[in-house]
PDB file of N, CA and C in Angstrom:
ATOM      1  N   UNK A   1       0.764  -1.336   0.166  1.00  0.00           N
ATOM      2  CA  UNK A   1       0.307  -0.497   0.052  1.00  0.00           C
ATOM      3  C   UNK A   1       0.899   1.226  -0.178  1.00  0.00           C
ATOM      4  N   UNK A   2       0.654   2.616  -0.672  1.00  0.00           N
ATOM      5  CA  UNK A   2       0.963   3.572  -0.767  1.00  0.00           C
ATOM      6  C   UNK A   2       0.960   4.466   0.606  1.00  0.00           C
ATOM      7  N   UNK A   3       2.376   5.068   0.770  1.00  0.00           N
ATOM      8  CA  UNK A   3       2.530   5.927   1.696  1.00  0.00           C
ATOM      9  C   UNK A   3       1.520   7.218   1.408  1.00  0.00           C
ATOM     10  N   UNK A   4       0.671   7.493   2.651  1.00  0.00           N
ATOM     11  CA  UNK A   4      -0.831   8.719   1.974  1.00  0.00           C
ATOM     12  C   UNK A   4      -0.175   9.958   2.325  1.00  0.00           C
ATOM     13  N   UNK A   5       1.007  10.006   3.105  1.00  0.00           N
ATOM     14  CA  UNK A   5       1.377  11.243   3.445  1.00  0.00           C
ATOM     15  C   UNK A   5       2.561  11.994   2.534  1.00  0.00           C
ATOM     16  N   UNK A   6       2.999  11.006   1.867  1.00  0.00           N
ATOM     17  CA  UNK A   6       3.597  11.492   0.776  1.00  0.00           C
ATOM     18  C   UNK A   6       2.799  11.671  -0.491  1.00  0.00           C
ATOM     19  N   UNK A   7       1.739  10.829  -0.533  1.00  0.00           N
ATOM     20  CA  UNK A   7       0.903  11.327  -1.606  1.00  0.00           C
ATOM     21  C   UNK A   7       0.266  12.297  -1.746  1.00  0.00           C
ATOM     22  N   UNK A   8      -0.061  13.256  -0.585  1.00  0.00           N
ATOM     23  CA  UNK A   8      -0.400  14.544  -0.376  1.00  0.00           C
ATOM     24  C   UNK A   8       0.478  15.422  -0.741  1.00  0.00           C
ATOM     25  N   UNK A   9       1.797  14.985   0.301  1.00  0.00           N
ATOM     26  CA  UNK A   9       2.781  15.868  -0.018  1.00  0.00           C
ATOM     27  C   UNK A   9       3.383  16.259  -1.083  1.00  0.00           C
ATOM     28  N   UNK A  10       3.131  15.670  -2.244  1.00  0.00           N
ATOM     29  CA  UNK A  10       4.046  15.197  -3.590  1.00  0.00           C
ATOM     30  C   UNK A  10       2.773  15.722  -4.111  1.00  0.00           C
ATOM     31  N   UNK A  11       1.595  15.006  -3.902  1.00  0.00           N
ATOM     32  CA  UNK A  11       0.334  15.136  -4.865  1.00  0.00           C
ATOM     33  C   UNK A  11       0.328  14.571  -6.183  1.00  0.00           C
ATOM     34  N   UNK A  12      -0.586  14.071  -6.437  1.00  0.00           N
ATOM     35  CA  UNK A  12      -1.057  13.187  -7.923  1.00  0.00           C
ATOM     36  C   UNK A  12      -0.746  14.194  -9.171  1.00  0.00           C
ATOM     37  N   UNK A  13      -0.288  13.492 -10.374  1.00  0.00           N
ATOM     38  CA  UNK A  13      -0.840  14.435 -11.689  1.00  0.00           C
ATOM     39  C   UNK A  13      -2.298  14.876 -11.653  1.00  0.00           C
ATOM     40  N   UNK A  14      -1.594  16.392 -12.039  1.00  0.00           N
ATOM     41  CA  UNK A  14      -2.957  17.359 -12.177  1.00  0.00           C
ATOM     42  C   UNK A  14      -3.957  16.536 -13.068  1.00  0.00           C
ATOM     43  N   UNK A  15      -3.460  15.784 -14.375  1.00  0.00           N
ATOM     44  CA  UNK A  15      -4.904  15.060 -14.778  1.00  0.00           C
ATOM     45  C   UNK A  15      -5.586  14.160 -14.413  1.00  0.00           C
ATOM     46  N   UNK A  16      -5.028  13.546 -13.454  1.00  0.00           N
ATOM     47  CA  UNK A  16      -5.482  12.404 -12.697  1.00  0.00           C
ATOM     48  C   UNK A  16      -6.342  12.821 -11.391  1.00  0.00           C
ATOM     49  N   UNK A  17      -6.332  14.305 -11.129  1.00  0.00           N
ATOM     50  CA  UNK A  17      -7.533  14.890 -10.009  1.00  0.00           C
ATOM     51  C   UNK A  17      -8.396  15.757 -10.373  1.00  0.00           C
ATOM     52  N   UNK A  18      -9.502  15.662  -9.459  1.00  0.00           N
ATOM     53  CA  UNK A  18     -10.346  16.906  -9.951  1.00  0.00           C
ATOM     54  C   UNK A  18     -10.745  17.159  -8.239  1.00  0.00           C
ATOM     55  N   UNK A  19     -10.901  18.618  -8.225  1.00  0.00           N
ATOM     56  CA  UNK A  19     -11.839  19.103  -7.101  1.00  0.00           C
ATOM     57  C   UNK A  19     -13.607  18.668  -7.105  1.00  0.00           C
ATOM     58  N   UNK A  20     -13.687  18.656  -6.194  1.00  0.00           N
ATOM     59  CA  UNK A  20     -15.824  18.620  -6.012  1.00  0.00           C
ATOM     60  C   UNK A  20     -15.860  19.449  -5.255  1.00  0.00           C
ATOM     61  N   UNK A  21     -16.604  20.259  -5.429  1.00  0.00           N
ATOM     62  CA  UNK A  21     -17.284  20.810  -4.377  1.00  0.00           C
ATOM     63  C   UNK A  21     -18.573  20.400  -3.545  1.00  0.00           C
ATOM     64  N   UNK A  22     -18.542  20.447  -2.178  1.00  0.00           N
ATOM     65  CA  UNK A  22     -19.031  19.397  -1.393  1.00  0.00           C
ATOM     66  C   UNK A  22     -19.587  20.166   0.156  1.00  0.00           C
ATOM     67  N   UNK A  23     -20.404  19.660   0.376  1.00  0.00           N
ATOM     68  CA  UNK A  23     -20.418  20.189   1.800  1.00  0.00           C
ATOM     69  C   UNK A  23     -20.090  19.112   3.314  1.00  0.00           C
ATOM     70  N   UNK A  24     -19.894  19.663   4.352  1.00  0.00           N
ATOM     71  CA  UNK A  24     -18.990  18.930   5.442  1.00  0.00           C
ATOM     72  C   UNK A  24     -20.427  18.699   6.870  1.00  0.00           C
ATOM     73  N   UNK A  25     -20.717  18.147   6.711  1.00  0.00           N
ATOM     74  CA  UNK A  25     -21.475  17.691   8.112  1.00  0.00           C
ATOM     75  C   UNK A  25     -20.945  17.722   8.781  1.00  0.00           C
ATOM     76  N   UNK A  26     -19.751  17.860   9.635  1.00  0.00           N
ATOM     77  CA  UNK A  26     -19.235  17.928  10.627  1.00  0.00           C
ATOM     78  C   UNK A  26     -18.796  19.011  11.321  1.00  0.00           C
ATOM     79  N   UNK A  27     -18.890  20.101   9.968  1.00  0.00           N
ATOM     80  CA  UNK A  27     -18.401  21.628  10.192  1.00  0.00           C
ATOM     81  C   UNK A  27     -19.645  22.294   9.686  1.00  0.00           C
ATOM     82  N   UNK A  28     -20.666  21.907   9.493  1.00  0.00           N
ATOM     83  CA  UNK A  28     -21.537  22.320   9.014  1.00  0.00           C
ATOM     84  C   UNK A  28     -21.760  23.576   8.161  1.00  0.00           C
ATOM     85  N   UNK A  29     -20.515  23.484   7.116  1.00  0.00           N
ATOM     86  CA  UNK A  29     -20.785  24.557   6.322  1.00  0.00           C
ATOM     87  C   UNK A  29     -21.810  24.629   5.115  1.00  0.00           C
ATOM     88  N   UNK A  30     -21.947  25.379   4.268  1.00  0.00           N
ATOM     89  CA  UNK A  30     -22.832  25.079   2.820  1.00  0.00           C
ATOM     90  C   UNK A  30     -22.160  24.608   1.783  1.00  0.00           C
ATOM     91  N   UNK A  31     -22.862  24.090   0.841  1.00  0.00           N
ATOM     92  CA  UNK A  31     -22.271  23.181  -0.355  1.00  0.00           C
ATOM     93  C   UNK A  31     -21.054  24.292  -1.203  1.00  0.00           C
ATOM     94  N   UNK A  32     -19.903  24.099  -0.780  1.00  0.00           N
ATOM     95  CA  UNK A  32     -18.899  24.646  -1.346  1.00  0.00           C
ATOM     96  C   UNK A  32     -17.852  24.676  -0.366  1.00  0.00           C
ATOM     97  N   UNK A  33     -18.517  24.553   0.766  1.00  0.00           N
ATOM     98  CA  UNK A  33     -17.800  25.042   2.239  1.00  0.00           C
ATOM     99  C   UNK A  33     -16.263  24.365   1.889  1.00  0.00           C
ATOM    100  N   UNK A  34     -16.464  23.104   1.675  1.00  0.00           N
ATOM    101  CA  UNK A  34     -15.577  21.753   1.557  1.00  0.00           C
ATOM    102  C   UNK A  34     -15.178  21.427   0.045  1.00  0.00           C
ATOM    103  N   UNK A  35     -13.991  21.094  -0.064  1.00  0.00           N
ATOM    104  CA  UNK A  35     -13.825  20.345  -1.429  1.00  0.00           C
ATOM    105  C   UNK A  35     -13.717  19.044  -1.288  1.00  0.00           C
ATOM    106  N   UNK A  36     -13.802  17.874  -2.123  1.00  0.00           N
ATOM    107  CA  UNK A  36     -13.514  16.921  -2.085  1.00  0.00           C
ATOM    108  C   UNK A  36     -12.445  16.635  -3.178  1.00  0.00           C
ATOM    109  N   UNK A  37     -11.313  15.970  -3.223  1.00  0.00           N
ATOM    110  CA  UNK A  37     -10.419  16.051  -3.726  1.00  0.00           C
ATOM    111  C   UNK A  37     -10.241  14.354  -3.879  1.00  0.00           C
ATOM    112  N   UNK A  38     -10.793  14.058  -5.628  1.00  0.00           N
ATOM    113  CA  UNK A  38     -10.141  12.885  -6.072  1.00  0.00           C
ATOM    114  C   UNK A  38      -9.848  12.596  -6.968  1.00  0.00           C
ATOM    115  N   UNK A  39      -8.768  12.036  -6.740  1.00  0.00           N
ATOM    116  CA  UNK A  39      -7.462  11.387  -7.744  1.00  0.00           C
ATOM    117  C   UNK A  39      -7.576   9.770  -7.790  1.00  0.00           C
ATOM    118  N   UNK A  40      -6.512   9.801  -8.471  1.00  0.00           N
ATOM    119  CA  UNK A  40      -6.336   7.653  -9.062  1.00  0.00           C
ATOM    120  C   UNK A  40      -4.638   8.062  -8.502  1.00  0.00           C
ATOM    121  N   UNK A  41      -4.338   7.402  -7.978  1.00  0.00           N
ATOM    122  CA  UNK A  41      -2.691   7.593  -7.605  1.00  0.00           C
ATOM    123  C   UNK A  41      -2.315   6.290  -7.412  1.00  0.00           C
ATOM    124  N   UNK A  42      -1.109   5.560  -8.192  1.00  0.00           N
ATOM    125  CA  UNK A  42      -0.321   4.288  -8.221  1.00  0.00           C
ATOM    126  C   UNK A  42      -2.050   3.243  -8.190  1.00  0.00           C
ATOM    127  N   UNK A  43      -2.848   3.482  -9.172  1.00  0.00           N
ATOM    128  CA  UNK A  43      -4.085   2.254  -9.487  1.00  0.00           C
ATOM    129  C   UNK A  43      -4.796   2.520  -7.864  1.00  0.00           C
ATOM    130  N   UNK A  44      -5.270   3.383  -7.460  1.00  0.00           N
ATOM    131  CA  UNK A  44      -6.419   3.733  -6.111  1.00  0.00           C
ATOM    132  C   UNK A  44      -7.086   4.894  -6.599  1.00  0.00           C
ATOM    133  N   UNK A  45      -8.227   4.605  -6.362  1.00  0.00           N
ATOM    134  CA  UNK A  45      -9.092   6.056  -6.373  1.00  0.00           C
ATOM    135  C   UNK A  45      -9.165   6.454  -4.762  1.00  0.00           C
ATOM    136  N   UNK A  46      -8.344   7.821  -4.916  1.00  0.00           N
ATOM    137  CA  UNK A  46      -8.298   8.623  -3.609  1.00  0.00           C
ATOM    138  C   UNK A  46      -8.984   9.689  -3.344  1.00  0.00           C
ATOM    139  N   UNK A  47     -10.161   9.584  -2.706  1.00  0.00           N
ATOM    140  CA  UNK A  47     -10.791  10.778  -1.594  1.00  0.00           C
ATOM    141  C   UNK A  47      -9.759  11.308  -0.884  1.00  0.00           C
ATOM    142  N   UNK A  48      -9.753  12.522  -0.860  1.00  0.00           N
ATOM    143  CA  UNK A  48      -9.282  13.484   0.192  1.00  0.00           C
ATOM    144  C   UNK A  48     -10.204  14.676   0.267  1.00  0.00           C
ATOM    145  N   UNK A  49     -11.035  14.518   1.821  1.00  0.00           N
ATOM    146  CA  UNK A  49     -12.177  15.485   2.024  1.00  0.00           C
ATOM    147  C   UNK A  49     -10.799  16.645   2.722  1.00  0.00           C
ATOM    148  N   UNK A  50     -11.520  17.737   1.913  1.00  0.00           N
ATOM    149  CA  UNK A  50     -11.170  19.231   2.780  1.00  0.00           C
ATOM    150  C   UNK A  50      -9.558  19.407   2.106  1.00  0.00           C
ATOM    151  N   UNK A  51      -9.073  18.081   1.492  1.00  0.00           N
ATOM    152  CA  UNK A  51      -7.932  18.635   0.759  1.00  0.00           C
ATOM    153  C   UNK A  51      -6.733  18.985   1.519  1.00  0.00           C
ATOM    154  N   UNK A  52      -6.403  18.079   2.539  1.00  0.00           N
ATOM    155  CA  UNK A  52      -5.546  18.378   3.567  1.00  0.00           C
ATOM    156  C   UNK A  52      -4.581  17.174   3.884  1.00  0.00           C
ATOM    157  N   UNK A  53      -5.208  16.128   3.127  1.00  0.00           N
ATOM    158  CA  UNK A  53      -4.470  14.675   3.455  1.00  0.00           C
ATOM    159  C   UNK A  53      -4.797  14.345   4.979  1.00  0.00           C
ATOM    160  N   UNK A  54      -5.273  14.822   5.592  1.00  0.00           N
ATOM    161  CA  UNK A  54      -5.662  14.388   7.149  1.00  0.00           C
ATOM    162  C   UNK A  54      -6.287  13.045   7.296  1.00  0.00           C
ATOM    163  N   UNK A  55      -7.383  12.836   6.171  1.00  0.00           N
ATOM    164  CA  UNK A  55      -8.004  11.707   6.594  1.00  0.00           C
ATOM    165  C   UNK A  55      -8.241  11.428   4.781  1.00  0.00           C
ATOM    166  N   UNK A  56      -7.778  10.473   4.221  1.00  0.00           N
ATOM    167  CA  UNK A  56      -8.120  10.038   2.761  1.00  0.00           C
ATOM    168  C   UNK A  56      -8.524   8.586   3.252  1.00  0.00           C
ATOM    169  N   UNK A  57      -9.310   8.448   1.939  1.00  0.00           N
ATOM    170  CA  UNK A  57     -10.175   6.941   1.826  1.00  0.00           C
ATOM    171  C   UNK A  57      -9.488   6.715   0.344  1.00  0.00           C
ATOM    172  N   UNK A  58      -9.388   5.474   0.167  1.00  0.00           N
ATOM    173  CA  UNK A  58      -8.744   4.883  -1.014  1.00  0.00           C
ATOM    174  C   UNK A  58      -9.820   3.413  -1.282  1.00  0.00           C
ATOM    175  N   UNK A  59      -9.861   3.573  -2.321  1.00  0.00           N
ATOM    176  CA  UNK A  59     -10.464   2.408  -3.388  1.00  0.00           C
ATOM    177  C   UNK A  59      -9.438   1.697  -4.292  1.00  0.00           C
ATOM    178  N   UNK A  60      -9.573   0.481  -3.958  1.00  0.00           N
ATOM    179  CA  UNK A  60      -8.977   0.022  -5.212  1.00  0.00           C
ATOM    180  C   UNK A  60     -10.438  -0.618  -5.893  1.00  0.00           C
ATOM    181  N   UNK A  61      -9.730  -1.340  -7.729  1.00  0.00           N
ATOM    182  CA  UNK A  61     -10.589  -1.519  -8.386  1.00  0.00           C
ATOM    183  C   UNK A  61     -11.894  -2.190  -8.109  1.00  0.00           C
ATOM    184  N   UNK A  62     -12.001  -3.119  -7.579  1.00  0.00           N
ATOM    185  CA  UNK A  62     -13.169  -3.617  -7.128  1.00  0.00           C
ATOM    186  C   UNK A  62     -13.783  -2.557  -6.279  1.00  0.00           C
ATOM    187  N   UNK A  63     -12.891  -1.715  -5.416  1.00  0.00           N
ATOM    188  CA  UNK A  63     -14.555  -1.001  -4.410  1.00  0.00           C
ATOM    189  C   UNK A  63     -14.767  -0.026  -5.708  1.00  0.00           C
ATOM    190  N   UNK A  64     -14.036   0.497  -6.199  1.00  0.00           N
ATOM    191  CA  UNK A  64     -14.077   1.851  -6.997  1.00  0.00           C
ATOM    192  C   UNK A  64     -15.435   1.456  -8.120  1.00  0.00           C
ATOM    193  N   UNK A  65     -15.395  -0.102  -8.553  1.00  0.00           N
ATOM    194  CA  UNK A  65     -16.632  -0.257  -9.373  1.00  0.00           C
ATOM    195  C   UNK A  65     -18.089  -0.183  -8.881  1.00  0.00           C
ATOM    196  N   UNK A  66     -17.739  -1.273  -7.307  1.00  0.00           N
ATOM    197  CA  UNK A  66     -18.785  -1.309  -6.555  1.00  0.00           C
ATOM    198  C   UNK A  66     -19.517   0.477  -6.269  1.00  0.00           C
ATOM    199  N   UNK A  67     -18.671   1.221  -6.073  1.00  0.00           N
ATOM    200  CA  UNK A  67     -19.419   2.616  -6.275  1.00  0.00           C
ATOM    201  C   UNK A  67     -20.015   3.488  -7.111  1.00  0.00           C
ATOM    202  N   UNK A  68     -19.028   2.894  -8.501  1.00  0.00           N
ATOM    203  CA  UNK A  68     -19.613   3.329  -9.754  1.00  0.00           C
ATOM    204  C   UNK A  68     -21.021   2.687  -9.970  1.00  0.00           C
ATOM    205  N   UNK A  69     -21.322   0.975  -9.518  1.00  0.00           N
ATOM    206  CA  UNK A  69     -22.839   0.778  -9.920  1.00  0.00           C
ATOM    207  C   UNK A  69     -23.669   1.434  -8.495  1.00  0.00           C
ATOM    208  N   UNK A  70     -22.880   1.451  -7.545  1.00  0.00           N
ATOM    209  CA  UNK A  70     -24.025   2.436  -6.512  1.00  0.00           C
ATOM    210  C   UNK A  70     -24.452   3.823  -6.494  1.00  0.00           C
ATOM    211  N   UNK A  71     -23.720   4.191  -7.115  1.00  0.00           N
ATOM    212  CA  UNK A  71     -24.309   5.883  -7.795  1.00  0.00           C
ATOM    213  C   UNK A  71     -24.816   6.122  -8.974  1.00  0.00           C
ATOM    214  N   UNK A  72     -24.705   4.903  -9.886  1.00  0.00           N
ATOM    215  CA  UNK A  72     -25.316   4.740 -10.848  1.00  0.00           C
ATOM    216  C   UNK A  72     -26.751   4.413 -10.930  1.00  0.00           C
ATOM    217  N   UNK A  73     -27.031   3.733  -9.863  1.00  0.00           N
ATOM    218  CA  UNK A  73     -28.358   2.761  -9.287  1.00  0.00           C
ATOM    219  C   UNK A  73     -29.156   3.946  -8.729  1.00  0.00           C
ATOM    220  N   UNK A  74     -28.041   4.924  -7.432  1.00  0.00           N
ATOM    221  CA  UNK A  74     -28.766   6.318  -7.169  1.00  0.00           C
ATOM    222  C   UNK A  74     -29.633   6.896  -7.915  1.00  0.00           C
ATOM    223  N   UNK A  75     -28.416   7.055  -8.687  1.00  0.00           N
ATOM    224  CA  UNK A  75     -28.642   8.527  -9.490  1.00  0.00           C
ATOM    225  C   UNK A  75     -29.317   8.658 -10.757  1.00  0.00           C
ATOM    226  N   UNK A  76     -29.622   7.060 -11.497  1.00  0.00           N
ATOM    227  CA  UNK A  76     -30.316   6.813 -12.259  1.00  0.00           C
ATOM    228  C   UNK A  76     -29.402   7.199 -13.562  1.00  0.00           C
TER     229      UNK A  76
END
């Protein structure tokens, strides 16, 4: 598994990352208060809430595929 601190410090290739406006239930900010950085790094889909590297969620191909199907089902 990759070193997530190194991931945040060095950052992924800019072509493989997008920031998505989001809201944060913990901080109770409006949409756009928080950004969710989504990137692909060394074969993993990485979610970085608040773009701080403090807490990242990484999905392998199977997890990312499951999320894709779930979002497709929910959003039609």
